[in-house]
Amino acid sequence: MDFSFFAHMERIDKSQSQTRLYEEFIELCLLAEKGGFSTIWNGEHHGMNFTIAPNPFTNLVDLSHRTNSIKLGTATIVAPFWHPIKLAEETAMADIITKGRLQLGLARGAYSFEYDRLADGIDPFNAGGALREIVPAIKAIWKGDYAHDGEHWSFPKTTSSPKPYQDPHPPIWIAARGQNSHDFALENDCNVQVTPLWLGDEEVESLMERFNKACESYPTKPRPKIMVLRHTFVAETETELVQGAKDVSRFYCYFGAWFKNERPIEQGLIKKLSEEEMSKIEMYSPENMRKNSIIGTPEEVIKRIKFCEKLGYDEYSYWVDSSMSFDKKKKSLELFINKVMPEFT
């Protein structure tokens, strides 16, 4: 099983320097490559200091000049925010600059805050059509001389300029949850990314069942890869683990606040949540985070990831976004590299 690293600049306090956050992001990514991770994943978000990532291609191209061989992936491009021609060409250009290290992850997106500003009235819960339309379209644009007349986009005959470095194109990954998304990935020869978010191993197992069902529905298709993305924190003392669970709980409380899109937002920062407010959100409680997320000693984390490996996951992605300090993130990542990953070589 491969290990990958999923990271953003995350800012919940105006005292945090955005420049310093990017420097910390780079340092963690360099540590991940040195430690043997296979891929760095970076996503797309807009107007949200909680997750600063306006264009993952920019960050990945920068990383390509700082790293040696690690693959560099978008997790994920939000399909309704892109025109197919623009996405095909920017992907191809990034693939050339990275000399074929690019992986293209795509999703429909989720935050209504972003949809209100970028999606021309498309509802995030009904945006699957844009994703299903854009995947075959960009493949055809890479082949060349392709005209499109669809529900979301129409354009005359067009060829991607440039074409991708990889032949025929970078691997495409689809962020999937429901059965339809898994089926779509199989039908279109795409790999699959899944995350249980704040849920536990039962959801990890359920997501794999949906993937396996899709594979059974398309028996003539080669089995694609499937990656599971999990919040991960490794420590050696109970005190550190208790605090780590509180940090991940705070992350999800802010995640939920952004998702509900009801609180005031100023300068890209959502109104601060009080300890009392967060304590009332039971599903994101520190106790649930300790149970459901991958938070534990090296031995506990190894056991939890072995469960993913046994289910058949090809890649485990270490999700570092957690509202923790940089020093805590770095220490946890070093423990993961030194004490967890060797058990999977």
C-alpha atoms as a PDB file:
ATOM      1  CA  MET A   1       0.000   0.000   0.000  1.00  0.00           C
ATOM      2  CA  ASP A   2       1.263   3.452  -0.932  1.00  0.00           C
ATOM      3  CA  PHE A   3       1.258   6.423   1.428  1.00  0.00           C
ATOM      4  CA  SER A   4       0.412   9.919   0.259  1.00  0.00           C
ATOM      5  CA  PHE A   5       0.284  13.320   1.939  1.00  0.00           C
ATOM      6  CA  PHE A   6      -2.732  15.654   1.802  1.00  0.00           C
ATOM      7  CA  ALA A   7      -2.185  19.260   2.892  1.00  0.00           C
ATOM      8  CA  HIS A   8      -3.350  22.859   2.597  1.00  0.00           C
ATOM      9  CA  MET A   9      -2.601  26.206   4.142  1.00  0.00           C
ATOM     10  CA  GLU A  10      -5.172  26.384   6.946  1.00  0.00           C
ATOM     11  CA  ARG A  11      -5.886  29.655   8.747  1.00  0.00           C
ATOM     12  CA  ILE A  12      -8.513  30.221  11.438  1.00  0.00           C
ATOM     13  CA  ASP A  13      -6.879  33.174  13.185  1.00  0.00           C
ATOM     14  CA  LYS A  14      -6.003  36.564  11.710  1.00  0.00           C
ATOM     15  CA  SER A  15      -2.713  36.549  13.625  1.00  0.00           C
ATOM     16  CA  GLN A  16      -1.401  33.758  11.364  1.00  0.00           C
ATOM     17  CA  SER A  17       0.826  34.939   8.512  1.00  0.00           C
ATOM     18  CA  GLN A  18      -0.279  33.580   5.150  1.00  0.00           C
ATOM     19  CA  THR A  19       3.304  33.752   3.898  1.00  0.00           C
ATOM     20  CA  ARG A  20       4.504  31.717   6.864  1.00  0.00           C
ATOM     21  CA  LEU A  21       1.689  29.200   6.374  1.00  0.00           C
ATOM     22  CA  TYR A  22       2.904  28.567   2.821  1.00  0.00           C
ATOM     23  CA  GLU A  23       6.471  28.104   4.056  1.00  0.00           C
ATOM     24  CA  GLU A  24       5.196  25.565   6.586  1.00  0.00           C
ATOM     25  CA  PHE A  25       3.193  23.796   3.868  1.00  0.00           C
ATOM     26  CA  ILE A  26       6.347  23.476   1.766  1.00  0.00           C
ATOM     27  CA  GLU A  27       8.411  22.203   4.685  1.00  0.00           C
ATOM     28  CA  LEU A  28       5.894  19.482   5.489  1.00  0.00           C
ATOM     29  CA  CYS A  29       5.728  18.442   1.820  1.00  0.00           C
ATOM     30  CA  LEU A  30       9.518  18.179   1.602  1.00  0.00           C
ATOM     31  CA  LEU A  31       9.518  16.053   4.747  1.00  0.00           C
ATOM     32  CA  ALA A  32       6.873  13.812   3.186  1.00  0.00           C
ATOM     33  CA  GLU A  33       8.986  13.196   0.089  1.00  0.00           C
ATOM     34  CA  LYS A  34      12.103  12.530   2.149  1.00  0.00           C
ATOM     35  CA  GLY A  35      10.100  10.105   4.268  1.00  0.00           C
ATOM     36  CA  GLY A  36       8.975   8.000   1.311  1.00  0.00           C
ATOM     37  CA  PHE A  37       5.456   9.195   0.545  1.00  0.00           C
ATOM     38  CA  SER A  38       4.357   8.464  -3.019  1.00  0.00           C
ATOM     39  CA  THR A  39       2.218  11.559  -3.722  1.00  0.00           C
ATOM     40  CA  ILE A  40       1.467  15.047  -2.405  1.00  0.00           C
ATOM     41  CA  TRP A  41      -2.185  16.097  -2.792  1.00  0.00           C
ATOM     42  CA  ASN A  42      -3.407  19.710  -2.722  1.00  0.00           C
ATOM     43  CA  GLY A  43      -6.962  20.905  -3.290  1.00  0.00           C
ATOM     44  CA  GLU A  44      -8.973  23.851  -4.564  1.00  0.00           C
ATOM     45  CA  HIS A  45     -10.895  26.334  -2.408  1.00  0.00           C
ATOM     46  CA  HIS A  46     -11.864  29.980  -2.753  1.00  0.00           C
ATOM     47  CA  GLY A  47     -12.490  32.848  -0.359  1.00  0.00           C
ATOM     48  CA  MET A  48     -11.936  30.597   2.663  1.00  0.00           C
ATOM     49  CA  ASN A  49      -8.909  31.225   4.855  1.00  0.00           C
ATOM     50  CA  PHE A  50      -9.825  27.950   6.573  1.00  0.00           C
ATOM     51  CA  THR A  51      -8.440  26.186   3.493  1.00  0.00           C
ATOM     52  CA  ILE A  52      -6.280  28.420   1.307  1.00  0.00           C
ATOM     53  CA  ALA A  53      -5.832  26.779  -2.098  1.00  0.00           C
ATOM     54  CA  PRO A  54      -7.037  28.943  -5.008  1.00  0.00           C
ATOM     55  CA  ASN A  55      -5.283  26.872  -7.692  1.00  0.00           C
ATOM     56  CA  PRO A  56      -3.516  23.608  -6.815  1.00  0.00           C
ATOM     57  CA  PHE A  57      -1.612  23.654 -10.115  1.00  0.00           C
ATOM     58  CA  THR A  58       0.338  26.695  -8.885  1.00  0.00           C
ATOM     59  CA  ASN A  59       1.388  24.967  -5.675  1.00  0.00           C
ATOM     60  CA  LEU A  60       2.198  21.683  -7.396  1.00  0.00           C
ATOM     61  CA  VAL A  61       4.338  23.342 -10.059  1.00  0.00           C
ATOM     62  CA  ASP A  62       6.245  25.130  -7.288  1.00  0.00           C
ATOM     63  CA  LEU A  63       6.691  21.824  -5.466  1.00  0.00           C
ATOM     64  CA  SER A  64       7.966  20.184  -8.654  1.00  0.00           C
ATOM     65  CA  HIS A  65      10.990  22.502  -8.559  1.00  0.00           C
ATOM     66  CA  ARG A  66      11.639  21.785  -4.868  1.00  0.00           C
ATOM     67  CA  THR A  67      11.186  17.999  -4.944  1.00  0.00           C
ATOM     68  CA  ASN A  68      12.772  15.189  -6.948  1.00  0.00           C
ATOM     69  CA  SER A  69      10.370  12.419  -7.876  1.00  0.00           C
ATOM     70  CA  ILE A  70       7.249  12.440  -5.699  1.00  0.00           C
ATOM     71  CA  LYS A  71       3.985  12.525  -7.649  1.00  0.00           C
ATOM     72  CA  LEU A  72       1.922  15.702  -7.388  1.00  0.00           C
ATOM     73  CA  GLY A  73      -1.854  15.588  -7.361  1.00  0.00           C
ATOM     74  CA  THR A  74      -4.935  17.790  -7.238  1.00  0.00           C
ATOM     75  CA  ALA A  75      -7.335  16.682  -4.515  1.00  0.00           C
ATOM     76  CA  THR A  76      -9.462  18.004  -5.799  1.00  0.00           C
ATOM     77  CA  ILE A  77     -10.232  20.313  -8.685  1.00  0.00           C
ATOM     78  CA  VAL A  78     -13.873  21.453  -8.333  1.00  0.00           C
ATOM     79  CA  ALA A  79     -15.259  20.611 -11.765  1.00  0.00           C
ATOM     80  CA  PRO A  80     -18.133  23.162 -11.989  1.00  0.00           C
ATOM     81  CA  PHE A  81     -15.669  26.029 -11.432  1.00  0.00           C
ATOM     82  CA  TRP A  82     -13.708  25.224 -14.613  1.00  0.00           C
ATOM     83  CA  HIS A  83     -14.291  25.375 -18.343  1.00  0.00           C
ATOM     84  CA  PRO A  84     -13.252  22.059 -19.964  1.00  0.00           C
ATOM     85  CA  ILE A  85     -10.787  23.705 -22.372  1.00  0.00           C
ATOM     86  CA  LYS A  86      -9.121  25.682 -19.610  1.00  0.00           C
ATOM     87  CA  LEU A  87      -8.903  22.637 -17.341  1.00  0.00           C
ATOM     88  CA  ALA A  88      -7.503  20.409 -20.108  1.00  0.00           C
ATOM     89  CA  GLU A  89      -4.823  22.945 -21.036  1.00  0.00           C
ATOM     90  CA  GLU A  90      -3.784  23.905 -17.507  1.00  0.00           C
ATOM     91  CA  THR A  91      -3.548  20.225 -16.573  1.00  0.00           C
ATOM     92  CA  ALA A  92      -1.423  19.522 -19.625  1.00  0.00           C
ATOM     93  CA  MET A  93       0.866  22.490 -18.962  1.00  0.00           C
ATOM     94  CA  ALA A  94       1.372  21.443 -15.330  1.00  0.00           C
ATOM     95  CA  ASP A  95       2.057  17.892 -16.503  1.00  0.00           C
ATOM     96  CA  ILE A  96       4.785  19.172 -18.828  1.00  0.00           C
ATOM     97  CA  ILE A  97       6.377  21.362 -16.156  1.00  0.00           C
ATOM     98  CA  THR A  98       6.358  18.520 -13.614  1.00  0.00           C
ATOM     99  CA  LYS A  99       7.693  16.107 -16.275  1.00  0.00           C
ATOM    100  CA  GLY A 100       4.843  13.678 -15.930  1.00  0.00           C
ATOM    101  CA  ARG A 101       4.418  13.657 -12.161  1.00  0.00           C
ATOM    102  CA  LEU A 102       0.903  15.115 -12.207  1.00  0.00           C
ATOM    103  CA  GLN A 103      -2.203  13.289 -10.963  1.00  0.00           C
ATOM    104  CA  LEU A 104      -5.593  14.918 -11.643  1.00  0.00           C
ATOM    105  CA  GLY A 105      -8.197  14.544  -8.899  1.00  0.00           C
ATOM    106  CA  LEU A 106     -11.698  15.884  -9.625  1.00  0.00           C
ATOM    107  CA  ALA A 107     -14.824  16.403  -7.540  1.00  0.00           C
ATOM    108  CA  ARG A 108     -18.184  18.126  -7.699  1.00  0.00           C
ATOM    109  CA  GLY A 109     -17.311  20.270  -4.632  1.00  0.00           C
ATOM    110  CA  ALA A 110     -19.356  20.766  -1.487  1.00  0.00           C
ATOM    111  CA  TYR A 111     -19.237  24.237   0.056  1.00  0.00           C
ATOM    112  CA  SER A 112     -22.276  26.345  -0.832  1.00  0.00           C
ATOM    113  CA  PHE A 113     -20.172  29.404   0.140  1.00  0.00           C
ATOM    114  CA  GLU A 114     -17.982  28.745  -2.901  1.00  0.00           C
ATOM    115  CA  TYR A 115     -20.876  27.786  -5.172  1.00  0.00           C
ATOM    116  CA  ASP A 116     -22.619  31.074  -4.380  1.00  0.00           C
ATOM    117  CA  ARG A 117     -19.601  32.884  -5.812  1.00  0.00           C
ATOM    118  CA  LEU A 118     -18.267  30.692  -8.626  1.00  0.00           C
ATOM    119  CA  ALA A 119     -20.847  28.244  -9.945  1.00  0.00           C
ATOM    120  CA  ASP A 120     -23.359  30.486 -11.733  1.00  0.00           C
ATOM    121  CA  GLY A 121     -26.317  29.239  -9.748  1.00  0.00           C
ATOM    122  CA  ILE A 122     -25.443  25.525  -9.717  1.00  0.00           C
ATOM    123  CA  ASP A 123     -26.441  23.892  -6.435  1.00  0.00           C
ATOM    124  CA  PRO A 124     -23.574  21.882  -4.855  1.00  0.00           C
ATOM    125  CA  PHE A 125     -25.860  18.938  -4.200  1.00  0.00           C
ATOM    126  CA  ASN A 126     -26.889  18.784  -7.851  1.00  0.00           C
ATOM    127  CA  ALA A 127     -23.483  19.427  -9.371  1.00  0.00           C
ATOM    128  CA  GLY A 128     -22.656  15.852 -10.268  1.00  0.00           C
ATOM    129  CA  GLY A 129     -23.728  16.530 -13.848  1.00  0.00           C
ATOM    130  CA  ALA A 130     -20.902  19.006 -14.342  1.00  0.00           C
ATOM    131  CA  LEU A 131     -18.362  16.441 -13.124  1.00  0.00           C
ATOM    132  CA  ARG A 132     -19.817  13.727 -15.344  1.00  0.00           C
ATOM    133  CA  GLU A 133     -19.714  16.054 -18.334  1.00  0.00           C
ATOM    134  CA  ILE A 134     -16.221  17.457 -17.863  1.00  0.00           C
ATOM    135  CA  VAL A 135     -14.296  14.171 -17.540  1.00  0.00           C
ATOM    136  CA  PRO A 136     -15.021  12.771 -21.026  1.00  0.00           C
ATOM    137  CA  ALA A 137     -14.747  16.302 -22.436  1.00  0.00           C
ATOM    138  CA  ILE A 138     -11.186  16.927 -21.214  1.00  0.00           C
ATOM    139  CA  LYS A 139     -10.120  13.486 -22.437  1.00  0.00           C
ATOM    140  CA  ALA A 140     -11.478  14.329 -25.882  1.00  0.00           C
ATOM    141  CA  ILE A 141      -9.831  17.775 -25.879  1.00  0.00           C
ATOM    142  CA  TRP A 142      -6.477  16.117 -25.124  1.00  0.00           C
ATOM    143  CA  LYS A 143      -7.005  13.837 -28.130  1.00  0.00           C
ATOM    144  CA  GLY A 144      -7.748  16.910 -30.231  1.00  0.00           C
ATOM    145  CA  ASP A 145     -10.188  18.434 -32.716  1.00  0.00           C
ATOM    146  CA  TYR A 146     -13.133  17.990 -30.402  1.00  0.00           C
ATOM    147  CA  ALA A 147     -16.387  19.978 -30.450  1.00  0.00           C
ATOM    148  CA  HIS A 148     -18.771  19.877 -27.499  1.00  0.00           C
ATOM    149  CA  ASP A 149     -22.480  20.573 -27.081  1.00  0.00           C
ATOM    150  CA  GLY A 150     -23.489  19.678 -23.545  1.00  0.00           C
ATOM    151  CA  GLU A 151     -25.727  20.773 -20.710  1.00  0.00           C
ATOM    152  CA  HIS A 152     -23.096  22.955 -19.028  1.00  0.00           C
ATOM    153  CA  TRP A 153     -20.680  23.862 -21.837  1.00  0.00           C
ATOM    154  CA  SER A 154     -20.675  24.210 -25.613  1.00  0.00           C
ATOM    155  CA  PHE A 155     -17.735  25.079 -27.868  1.00  0.00           C
ATOM    156  CA  PRO A 156     -16.476  24.514 -31.440  1.00  0.00           C
ATOM    157  CA  LYS A 157     -13.709  22.109 -32.434  1.00  0.00           C
ATOM    158  CA  THR A 158     -10.745  22.537 -30.077  1.00  0.00           C
ATOM    159  CA  THR A 159      -7.418  20.849 -29.322  1.00  0.00           C
ATOM    160  CA  SER A 160      -5.582  21.232 -26.033  1.00  0.00           C
ATOM    161  CA  SER A 161      -2.551  23.481 -26.411  1.00  0.00           C
ATOM    162  CA  PRO A 162      -0.337  22.004 -25.086  1.00  0.00           C
ATOM    163  CA  LYS A 163      -1.022  18.296 -24.840  1.00  0.00           C
ATOM    164  CA  PRO A 164      -0.050  16.370 -21.701  1.00  0.00           C
ATOM    165  CA  TYR A 165       3.423  15.023 -21.028  1.00  0.00           C
ATOM    166  CA  GLN A 166       1.971  11.638 -20.020  1.00  0.00           C
ATOM    167  CA  ASP A 167       0.484   9.443 -22.715  1.00  0.00           C
ATOM    168  CA  PRO A 168      -2.448   9.613 -23.174  1.00  0.00           C
ATOM    169  CA  HIS A 169      -2.912  11.900 -20.151  1.00  0.00           C
ATOM    170  CA  PRO A 170      -2.293  12.102 -16.377  1.00  0.00           C
ATOM    171  CA  PRO A 171      -4.163   9.566 -14.252  1.00  0.00           C
ATOM    172  CA  ILE A 172      -7.595  10.890 -13.313  1.00  0.00           C
ATOM    173  CA  TRP A 173      -9.024  10.349  -9.825  1.00  0.00           C
ATOM    174  CA  ILE A 174     -12.686  10.861  -8.907  1.00  0.00           C
ATOM    175  CA  ALA A 175     -13.716  11.840  -5.376  1.00  0.00           C
ATOM    176  CA  ALA A 176     -16.509   9.371  -4.686  1.00  0.00           C
ATOM    177  CA  ARG A 177     -19.016   8.759  -1.933  1.00  0.00           C
ATOM    178  CA  GLY A 178     -22.307   7.548  -3.378  1.00  0.00           C
ATOM    179  CA  GLN A 179     -22.605   4.483  -5.586  1.00  0.00           C
ATOM    180  CA  ASN A 180     -23.189   6.582  -8.709  1.00  0.00           C
ATOM    181  CA  SER A 181     -19.798   8.277  -8.302  1.00  0.00           C
ATOM    182  CA  HIS A 182     -18.012   4.941  -7.912  1.00  0.00           C
ATOM    183  CA  ASP A 183     -19.808   3.612 -10.994  1.00  0.00           C
ATOM    184  CA  PHE A 184     -18.899   6.729 -12.968  1.00  0.00           C
ATOM    185  CA  ALA A 185     -15.215   6.327 -12.088  1.00  0.00           C
ATOM    186  CA  LEU A 186     -15.184   2.718 -13.293  1.00  0.00           C
ATOM    187  CA  GLU A 187     -17.093   3.536 -16.462  1.00  0.00           C
ATOM    188  CA  ASN A 188     -14.596   6.280 -17.335  1.00  0.00           C
ATOM    189  CA  ASP A 189     -11.385   4.434 -16.372  1.00  0.00           C
ATOM    190  CA  CYS A 190     -10.641   6.702 -13.411  1.00  0.00           C
ATOM    191  CA  ASN A 191      -9.107   5.964 -10.028  1.00  0.00           C
ATOM    192  CA  VAL A 192     -11.121   6.657  -6.881  1.00  0.00           C
ATOM    193  CA  GLN A 193     -10.521   8.859  -3.835  1.00  0.00           C
ATOM    194  CA  VAL A 194     -12.720   8.379  -0.762  1.00  0.00           C
ATOM    195  CA  THR A 195     -12.848   9.906   2.703  1.00  0.00           C
ATOM    196  CA  PRO A 196     -15.021   8.979   5.674  1.00  0.00           C
ATOM    197  CA  LEU A 197     -14.506  12.547   6.999  1.00  0.00           C
ATOM    198  CA  TRP A 198     -15.448  12.477  10.710  1.00  0.00           C
ATOM    199  CA  LEU A 199     -16.873   8.931  10.540  1.00  0.00           C
ATOM    200  CA  GLY A 200     -15.026   5.774  11.558  1.00  0.00           C
ATOM    201  CA  ASP A 201     -13.957   2.391  10.248  1.00  0.00           C
ATOM    202  CA  GLU A 202     -17.531   1.365   9.461  1.00  0.00           C
ATOM    203  CA  GLU A 203     -17.643   4.101   6.814  1.00  0.00           C
ATOM    204  CA  VAL A 204     -14.205   3.077   5.527  1.00  0.00           C
ATOM    205  CA  GLU A 205     -15.591  -0.420   5.037  1.00  0.00           C
ATOM    206  CA  SER A 206     -18.814   0.854   3.465  1.00  0.00           C
ATOM    207  CA  LEU A 207     -16.918   2.982   0.938  1.00  0.00           C
ATOM    208  CA  MET A 208     -14.859  -0.024  -0.096  1.00  0.00           C
ATOM    209  CA  GLU A 209     -18.058  -2.053  -0.528  1.00  0.00           C
ATOM    210  CA  ARG A 210     -19.370   0.590  -2.941  1.00  0.00           C
ATOM    211  CA  PHE A 211     -16.100   0.514  -4.863  1.00  0.00           C
ATOM    212  CA  ASN A 212     -16.141  -3.294  -5.083  1.00  0.00           C
ATOM    213  CA  LYS A 213     -19.751  -3.219  -6.256  1.00  0.00           C
ATOM    214  CA  ALA A 214     -18.761  -0.819  -9.030  1.00  0.00           C
ATOM    215  CA  CYS A 215     -15.912  -3.117 -10.050  1.00  0.00           C
ATOM    216  CA  GLU A 216     -18.369  -6.015 -10.228  1.00  0.00           C
ATOM    217  CA  SER A 217     -20.714  -3.942 -12.375  1.00  0.00           C
ATOM    218  CA  TYR A 218     -17.938  -3.320 -14.930  1.00  0.00           C
ATOM    219  CA  PRO A 219     -16.190  -6.707 -15.126  1.00  0.00           C
ATOM    220  CA  THR A 220     -14.432  -5.910 -18.404  1.00  0.00           C
ATOM    221  CA  LYS A 221     -12.774  -2.798 -16.968  1.00  0.00           C
ATOM    222  CA  PRO A 222      -9.351  -3.050 -15.292  1.00  0.00           C
ATOM    223  CA  ARG A 223      -9.597  -2.509 -11.540  1.00  0.00           C
ATOM    224  CA  PRO A 224      -8.580   1.107 -10.828  1.00  0.00           C
ATOM    225  CA  LYS A 225      -6.726   2.274  -7.752  1.00  0.00           C
ATOM    226  CA  ILE A 226      -8.593   3.418  -4.658  1.00  0.00           C
ATOM    227  CA  MET A 227      -7.243   5.828  -2.047  1.00  0.00           C
ATOM    228  CA  VAL A 228      -8.622   6.478   1.440  1.00  0.00           C
ATOM    229  CA  LEU A 229      -8.026   9.914   3.004  1.00  0.00           C
ATOM    230  CA  ARG A 230      -7.939  10.092   6.801  1.00  0.00           C
ATOM    231  CA  HIS A 231      -7.116  12.671   9.441  1.00  0.00           C
ATOM    232  CA  THR A 232      -3.984  11.297  11.076  1.00  0.00           C
ATOM    233  CA  PHE A 233      -2.142  12.229  14.273  1.00  0.00           C
ATOM    234  CA  VAL A 234       0.586  10.159  15.897  1.00  0.00           C
ATOM    235  CA  ALA A 235       1.942  10.762  19.402  1.00  0.00           C
ATOM    236  CA  GLU A 236       3.542   8.766  22.182  1.00  0.00           C
ATOM    237  CA  THR A 237       1.848  10.146  25.304  1.00  0.00           C
ATOM    238  CA  GLU A 238      -1.775  10.170  26.368  1.00  0.00           C
ATOM    239  CA  THR A 239      -1.611  13.896  27.066  1.00  0.00           C
ATOM    240  CA  GLU A 240      -0.572  14.583  23.460  1.00  0.00           C
ATOM    241  CA  LEU A 241      -3.273  12.293  22.093  1.00  0.00           C
ATOM    242  CA  VAL A 242      -6.029  13.899  24.152  1.00  0.00           C
ATOM    243  CA  GLN A 243      -4.997  17.316  22.876  1.00  0.00           C
ATOM    244  CA  GLY A 244      -4.685  15.986  19.311  1.00  0.00           C
ATOM    245  CA  ALA A 245      -8.284  14.768  19.458  1.00  0.00           C
ATOM    246  CA  LYS A 246      -9.359  18.224  20.663  1.00  0.00           C
ATOM    247  CA  ASP A 247      -7.504  19.827  17.751  1.00  0.00           C
ATOM    248  CA  VAL A 248      -9.163  17.594  15.168  1.00  0.00           C
ATOM    249  CA  SER A 249     -12.511  18.233  16.857  1.00  0.00           C
ATOM    250  CA  ARG A 250     -11.952  21.980  16.471  1.00  0.00           C
ATOM    251  CA  PHE A 251     -11.072  21.474  12.797  1.00  0.00           C
ATOM    252  CA  TYR A 252     -14.362  19.695  12.147  1.00  0.00           C
ATOM    253  CA  CYS A 253     -16.376  22.251  14.091  1.00  0.00           C
ATOM    254  CA  TYR A 254     -15.010  24.919  11.742  1.00  0.00           C
ATOM    255  CA  PHE A 255     -15.492  22.597   8.776  1.00  0.00           C
ATOM    256  CA  GLY A 256     -19.135  22.195   9.753  1.00  0.00           C
ATOM    257  CA  ALA A 257     -19.582  25.942  10.215  1.00  0.00           C
ATOM    258  CA  TRP A 258     -18.221  26.647   6.741  1.00  0.00           C
ATOM    259  CA  PHE A 259     -20.363  23.878   5.288  1.00  0.00           C
ATOM    260  CA  LYS A 260     -23.577  25.246   6.866  1.00  0.00           C
ATOM    261  CA  ASN A 261     -22.666  28.728   5.544  1.00  0.00           C
ATOM    262  CA  GLU A 262     -24.636  30.569   8.206  1.00  0.00           C
ATOM    263  CA  ARG A 263     -22.031  32.467  10.264  1.00  0.00           C
ATOM    264  CA  PRO A 264     -20.662  35.932   9.464  1.00  0.00           C
ATOM    265  CA  ILE A 265     -17.438  35.968   7.432  1.00  0.00           C
ATOM    266  CA  GLU A 266     -14.998  38.878   7.322  1.00  0.00           C
ATOM    267  CA  GLN A 267     -11.709  39.015   5.422  1.00  0.00           C
ATOM    268  CA  GLY A 268     -12.013  35.320   4.584  1.00  0.00           C
ATOM    269  CA  LEU A 269     -12.316  34.282   8.247  1.00  0.00           C
ATOM    270  CA  ILE A 270     -15.501  32.852   9.714  1.00  0.00           C
ATOM    271  CA  LYS A 271     -16.701  34.256  13.047  1.00  0.00           C
ATOM    272  CA  LYS A 272     -14.770  32.520  15.798  1.00  0.00           C
ATOM    273  CA  LEU A 273     -16.472  29.567  17.454  1.00  0.00           C
ATOM    274  CA  SER A 274     -16.626  29.608  21.235  1.00  0.00           C
ATOM    275  CA  GLU A 275     -15.652  26.607  23.352  1.00  0.00           C
ATOM    276  CA  GLU A 276     -19.284  26.366  24.450  1.00  0.00           C
ATOM    277  CA  GLU A 277     -20.529  26.235  20.862  1.00  0.00           C
ATOM    278  CA  MET A 278     -18.045  23.535  19.921  1.00  0.00           C
ATOM    279  CA  SER A 279     -18.833  21.467  23.023  1.00  0.00           C
ATOM    280  CA  LYS A 280     -22.458  21.132  21.862  1.00  0.00           C
ATOM    281  CA  ILE A 281     -21.566  19.499  18.511  1.00  0.00           C
ATOM    282  CA  GLU A 282     -21.571  15.878  19.612  1.00  0.00           C
ATOM    283  CA  MET A 283     -20.639  14.255  16.291  1.00  0.00           C
ATOM    284  CA  TYR A 284     -17.390  16.253  16.242  1.00  0.00           C
ATOM    285  CA  SER A 285     -16.579  15.718  19.925  1.00  0.00           C
ATOM    286  CA  PRO A 286     -12.955  14.952  20.897  1.00  0.00           C
ATOM    287  CA  GLU A 287     -14.125  11.524  22.067  1.00  0.00           C
ATOM    288  CA  ASN A 288     -15.609  10.733  18.655  1.00  0.00           C
ATOM    289  CA  MET A 289     -12.538  12.094  16.882  1.00  0.00           C
ATOM    290  CA  ARG A 290     -10.258   9.898  18.996  1.00  0.00           C
ATOM    291  CA  LYS A 291     -12.395   6.874  18.138  1.00  0.00           C
ATOM    292  CA  ASN A 292     -13.065   7.600  14.469  1.00  0.00           C
ATOM    293  CA  SER A 293     -10.004   9.446  13.139  1.00  0.00           C
ATOM    294  CA  ILE A 294      -6.554   7.884  13.019  1.00  0.00           C
ATOM    295  CA  ILE A 295      -5.307   9.321  16.306  1.00  0.00           C
ATOM    296  CA  GLY A 296      -3.052   7.166  18.431  1.00  0.00           C
ATOM    297  CA  THR A 297       0.333   5.779  19.332  1.00  0.00           C
ATOM    298  CA  PRO A 298       2.399   4.323  16.485  1.00  0.00           C
ATOM    299  CA  GLU A 299       1.155   0.860  17.425  1.00  0.00           C
ATOM    300  CA  GLU A 300      -2.487   1.952  17.412  1.00  0.00           C
ATOM    301  CA  VAL A 301      -2.107   3.763  14.094  1.00  0.00           C
ATOM    302  CA  ILE A 302      -0.417   0.753  12.491  1.00  0.00           C
ATOM    303  CA  LYS A 303      -3.342  -1.444  13.517  1.00  0.00           C
ATOM    304  CA  ARG A 304      -5.905   0.998  12.121  1.00  0.00           C
ATOM    305  CA  ILE A 305      -4.107   1.330   8.785  1.00  0.00           C
ATOM    306  CA  LYS A 306      -3.645  -2.445   8.536  1.00  0.00           C
ATOM    307  CA  PHE A 307      -7.441  -2.581   8.556  1.00  0.00           C
ATOM    308  CA  CYS A 308      -7.501  -0.332   5.462  1.00  0.00           C
ATOM    309  CA  GLU A 309      -4.840  -2.454   3.794  1.00  0.00           C
ATOM    310  CA  LYS A 310      -6.764  -5.659   4.486  1.00  0.00           C
ATOM    311  CA  LEU A 311      -9.911  -4.174   2.943  1.00  0.00           C
ATOM    312  CA  GLY A 312      -7.992  -3.624  -0.301  1.00  0.00           C
ATOM    313  CA  TYR A 313      -7.122   0.073  -0.337  1.00  0.00           C
ATOM    314  CA  ASP A 314      -4.165   0.801  -2.617  1.00  0.00           C
ATOM    315  CA  GLU A 315      -3.242   4.115  -1.004  1.00  0.00           C
ATOM    316  CA  TYR A 316      -3.546   5.635   2.456  1.00  0.00           C
ATOM    317  CA  SER A 317      -3.480   9.425   2.441  1.00  0.00           C
ATOM    318  CA  TYR A 318      -2.297  11.192   5.591  1.00  0.00           C
ATOM    319  CA  TRP A 319      -4.559  14.240   6.040  1.00  0.00           C
ATOM    320  CA  VAL A 320      -2.543  16.774   8.020  1.00  0.00           C
ATOM    321  CA  ASP A 321      -5.100  19.648   8.141  1.00  0.00           C
ATOM    322  CA  SER A 322      -6.183  19.660  11.774  1.00  0.00           C
ATOM    323  CA  SER A 323      -6.009  23.189  13.273  1.00  0.00           C
ATOM    324  CA  MET A 324      -2.804  22.084  15.027  1.00  0.00           C
ATOM    325  CA  SER A 325       0.381  24.097  15.258  1.00  0.00           C
ATOM    326  CA  PHE A 326       3.094  23.487  12.696  1.00  0.00           C
ATOM    327  CA  ASP A 327       5.383  21.949  15.322  1.00  0.00           C
ATOM    328  CA  LYS A 328       2.741  19.400  16.303  1.00  0.00           C
ATOM    329  CA  LYS A 329       2.053  18.520  12.682  1.00  0.00           C
ATOM    330  CA  LYS A 330       5.755  18.062  12.007  1.00  0.00           C
ATOM    331  CA  LYS A 331       6.354  15.881  15.079  1.00  0.00           C
ATOM    332  CA  SER A 332       3.400  13.665  14.212  1.00  0.00           C
ATOM    333  CA  LEU A 333       4.538  13.315  10.599  1.00  0.00           C
ATOM    334  CA  GLU A 334       8.054  12.371  11.704  1.00  0.00           C
ATOM    335  CA  LEU A 335       6.664   9.694  14.023  1.00  0.00           C
ATOM    336  CA  PHE A 336       4.501   8.372  11.199  1.00  0.00           C
ATOM    337  CA  ILE A 337       7.513   8.182   8.876  1.00  0.00           C
ATOM    338  CA  ASN A 338       9.853   6.611  11.409  1.00  0.00           C
ATOM    339  CA  LYS A 339       7.554   4.263  13.315  1.00  0.00           C
ATOM    340  CA  VAL A 340       4.462   3.560  11.188  1.00  0.00           C
ATOM    341  CA  MET A 341       5.510   3.405   7.549  1.00  0.00           C
ATOM    342  CA  PRO A 342       8.303   0.833   8.073  1.00  0.00           C
ATOM    343  CA  GLU A 343       5.625  -1.691   9.051  1.00  0.00           C
ATOM    344  CA  PHE A 344       4.227  -1.501   5.516  1.00  0.00           C
ATOM    345  CA  THR A 345       7.378  -1.793   3.411  1.00  0.00           C
END
